[in-house]
C-alpha atoms as a PDB file:
ATOM      1  CA  MET A   1     111.634 -36.185 -55.336  1.00  0.00           C
ATOM      2  CA  PRO A   2     112.756 -33.877 -52.509  1.00  0.00           C
ATOM      3  CA  ARG A   3     112.159 -30.172 -52.987  1.00  0.00           C
ATOM      4  CA  LEU A   4     114.761 -28.089 -54.747  1.00  0.00           C
ATOM      5  CA  ARG A   5     116.721 -25.712 -52.518  1.00  0.00           C
ATOM      6  CA  PRO A   6     117.885 -22.773 -54.634  1.00  0.00           C
ATOM      7  CA  SER A   7     120.521 -21.779 -52.072  1.00  0.00           C
ATOM      8  CA  THR A   8     122.408 -25.068 -52.506  1.00  0.00           C
ATOM      9  CA  ASP A   9     120.974 -26.693 -55.636  1.00  0.00           C
ATOM     10  CA  VAL A  10     121.500 -23.957 -58.244  1.00  0.00           C
ATOM     11  CA  ARG A  11     125.177 -23.678 -59.109  1.00  0.00           C
ATOM     12  CA  PRO A  12     127.342 -22.365 -61.963  1.00  0.00           C
ATOM     13  CA  VAL A  13     128.728 -24.846 -64.462  1.00  0.00           C
ATOM     14  CA  THR A  14     132.266 -23.569 -63.779  1.00  0.00           C
ATOM     15  CA  GLU A  15     131.890 -24.708 -60.164  1.00  0.00           C
ATOM     16  CA  PHE A  16     130.618 -28.081 -61.412  1.00  0.00           C
ATOM     17  CA  ARG A  17     133.707 -28.511 -63.617  1.00  0.00           C
ATOM     18  CA  ALA A  18     135.983 -27.777 -60.679  1.00  0.00           C
ATOM     19  CA  ASN A  19     134.120 -30.027 -58.187  1.00  0.00           C
ATOM     20  CA  THR A  20     132.406 -32.760 -60.180  1.00  0.00           C
ATOM     21  CA  SER A  21     132.805 -35.441 -57.508  1.00  0.00           C
ATOM     22  CA  ALA A  22     131.323 -33.216 -54.824  1.00  0.00           C
ATOM     23  CA  PHE A  23     128.314 -32.452 -57.038  1.00  0.00           C
ATOM     24  CA  LEU A  24     127.763 -36.148 -57.717  1.00  0.00           C
ATOM     25  CA  ASP A  25     127.999 -36.877 -53.991  1.00  0.00           C
ATOM     26  CA  GLN A  26     125.449 -34.139 -53.293  1.00  0.00           C
ATOM     27  CA  VAL A  27     122.995 -35.532 -55.841  1.00  0.00           C
ATOM     28  CA  GLN A  28     123.426 -39.073 -54.504  1.00  0.00           C
ATOM     29  CA  THR A  29     123.048 -38.034 -50.873  1.00  0.00           C
ATOM     30  CA  THR A  30     120.189 -35.532 -51.102  1.00  0.00           C
ATOM     31  CA  LYS A  31     118.315 -37.090 -54.068  1.00  0.00           C
ATOM     32  CA  ARG A  32     117.612 -33.468 -55.095  1.00  0.00           C
ATOM     33  CA  PRO A  33     118.476 -32.228 -58.584  1.00  0.00           C
ATOM     34  CA  VAL A  34     121.226 -29.684 -59.117  1.00  0.00           C
ATOM     35  CA  ILE A  35     120.523 -26.982 -61.671  1.00  0.00           C
ATOM     36  CA  LEU A  36     123.639 -25.837 -63.468  1.00  0.00           C
ATOM     37  CA  THR A  37     123.763 -22.284 -64.747  1.00  0.00           C
ATOM     38  CA  GLN A  38     125.820 -20.754 -67.508  1.00  0.00           C
ATOM     39  CA  HIS A  39     126.125 -16.997 -67.819  1.00  0.00           C
ATOM     40  CA  GLY A  40     123.513 -16.642 -65.074  1.00  0.00           C
ATOM     41  CA  ARG A  41     120.867 -18.724 -66.842  1.00  0.00           C
ATOM     42  CA  SER A  42     119.793 -22.308 -66.278  1.00  0.00           C
ATOM     43  CA  ALA A  43     121.633 -24.658 -68.646  1.00  0.00           C
ATOM     44  CA  ALA A  44     121.285 -28.232 -67.367  1.00  0.00           C
ATOM     45  CA  VAL A  45     119.912 -30.412 -64.585  1.00  0.00           C
ATOM     46  CA  LEU A  46     121.912 -33.087 -62.789  1.00  0.00           C
ATOM     47  CA  LEU A  47     119.715 -35.881 -61.385  1.00  0.00           C
ATOM     48  CA  ASN A  48     120.205 -39.015 -59.342  1.00  0.00           C
ATOM     49  CA  VAL A  49     119.683 -42.006 -61.663  1.00  0.00           C
ATOM     50  CA  ALA A  50     116.967 -43.598 -59.498  1.00  0.00           C
ATOM     51  CA  VAL A  51     115.078 -40.286 -59.338  1.00  0.00           C
ATOM     52  CA  TYR A  52     115.393 -39.943 -63.114  1.00  0.00           C
ATOM     53  CA  GLU A  53     114.054 -43.472 -63.672  1.00  0.00           C
ATOM     54  CA  ASP A  54     111.123 -42.764 -61.328  1.00  0.00           C
ATOM     55  CA  LEU A  55     110.311 -39.620 -63.325  1.00  0.00           C
ATOM     56  CA  LEU A  56     110.386 -41.578 -66.594  1.00  0.00           C
ATOM     57  CA  ASP A  57     108.061 -44.218 -65.107  1.00  0.00           C
ATOM     58  CA  GLU A  58     105.670 -41.537 -63.902  1.00  0.00           C
ATOM     59  CA  VAL A  59     105.613 -39.807 -67.293  1.00  0.00           C
ATOM     60  CA  ALA A  60     104.956 -43.139 -69.037  1.00  0.00           C
ATOM     61  CA  LEU A  61     102.065 -43.883 -66.675  1.00  0.00           C
ATOM     62  CA  LEU A  62     100.553 -40.428 -67.191  1.00  0.00           C
ATOM     63  CA  ARG A  63     100.801 -40.852 -70.968  1.00  0.00           C
ATOM     64  CA  ASP A  64      99.061 -44.236 -70.730  1.00  0.00           C
ATOM     65  CA  ILE A  65      96.275 -42.676 -68.673  1.00  0.00           C
ATOM     66  CA  ARG A  66      95.876 -39.839 -71.186  1.00  0.00           C
ATOM     67  CA  THR A  67      95.716 -42.353 -74.053  1.00  0.00           C
ATOM     68  CA  ALA A  68      93.095 -44.418 -72.219  1.00  0.00           C
ATOM     69  CA  GLU A  69      91.007 -41.313 -71.486  1.00  0.00           C
ATOM     70  CA  GLN A  70      91.143 -40.339 -75.174  1.00  0.00           C
ATOM     71  CA  GLN A  71      90.081 -43.842 -76.196  1.00  0.00           C
ATOM     72  CA  VAL A  72      87.145 -43.755 -73.782  1.00  0.00           C
ATOM     73  CA  ALA A  73      86.127 -40.306 -75.042  1.00  0.00           C
ATOM     74  CA  LYS A  74      86.122 -41.622 -78.638  1.00  0.00           C
ATOM     75  CA  GLY A  75      84.038 -44.627 -77.623  1.00  0.00           C
ATOM     76  CA  ASP A  76      86.869 -47.118 -78.093  1.00  0.00           C
ATOM     77  CA  ALA A  77      86.091 -48.866 -74.825  1.00  0.00           C
ATOM     78  CA  ALA A  78      84.113 -51.870 -73.652  1.00  0.00           C
ATOM     79  CA  PRO A  79      82.393 -52.534 -70.342  1.00  0.00           C
ATOM     80  CA  HIS A  80      84.304 -54.672 -67.858  1.00  0.00           C
ATOM     81  CA  GLY A  81      81.932 -57.617 -68.167  1.00  0.00           C
ATOM     82  CA  VAL A  82      82.381 -57.761 -71.944  1.00  0.00           C
ATOM     83  CA  VAL A  83      86.174 -57.664 -71.666  1.00  0.00           C
ATOM     84  CA  ALA A  84      86.146 -60.351 -68.943  1.00  0.00           C
ATOM     85  CA  ARG A  85      84.040 -62.662 -71.125  1.00  0.00           C
ATOM     86  CA  ARG A  86      86.340 -62.118 -74.123  1.00  0.00           C
ATOM     87  CA  LEU A  87      89.436 -62.891 -72.060  1.00  0.00           C
ATOM     88  CA  LYS A  88      87.874 -66.026 -70.560  1.00  0.00           C
ATOM     89  CA  ALA A  89      86.912 -67.220 -74.018  1.00  0.00           C
ATOM     90  CA  ARG A  90      90.503 -66.776 -75.221  1.00  0.00           C
ATOM     91  CA  LEU A  91      91.909 -68.640 -72.233  1.00  0.00           C
ATOM     92  CA  VAL A  92      89.561 -71.608 -72.691  1.00  0.00           C
ATOM     93  CA  LYS A  93      90.703 -72.218 -76.292  1.00  0.00           C
END
């Protein structure tokens, strides 16, 4: 995801309401998120759908890695050779 540019990517929600199409065009063109503020504080983030999906995929992968690391730490793992033999045995049946 491209880096956030506070000078153009942090905008008040009132401006978003008045120029929704322009904000959507900006997000589509730049692929950068827009942070919407309300009363001077961050309130929401507007993201390109493809960027959002990529973030979800990345989070899912990181969670899978964390789960695998926890399983290995608990001893719930098997050496590669053992797993390969088990899989081959299942395929032969």
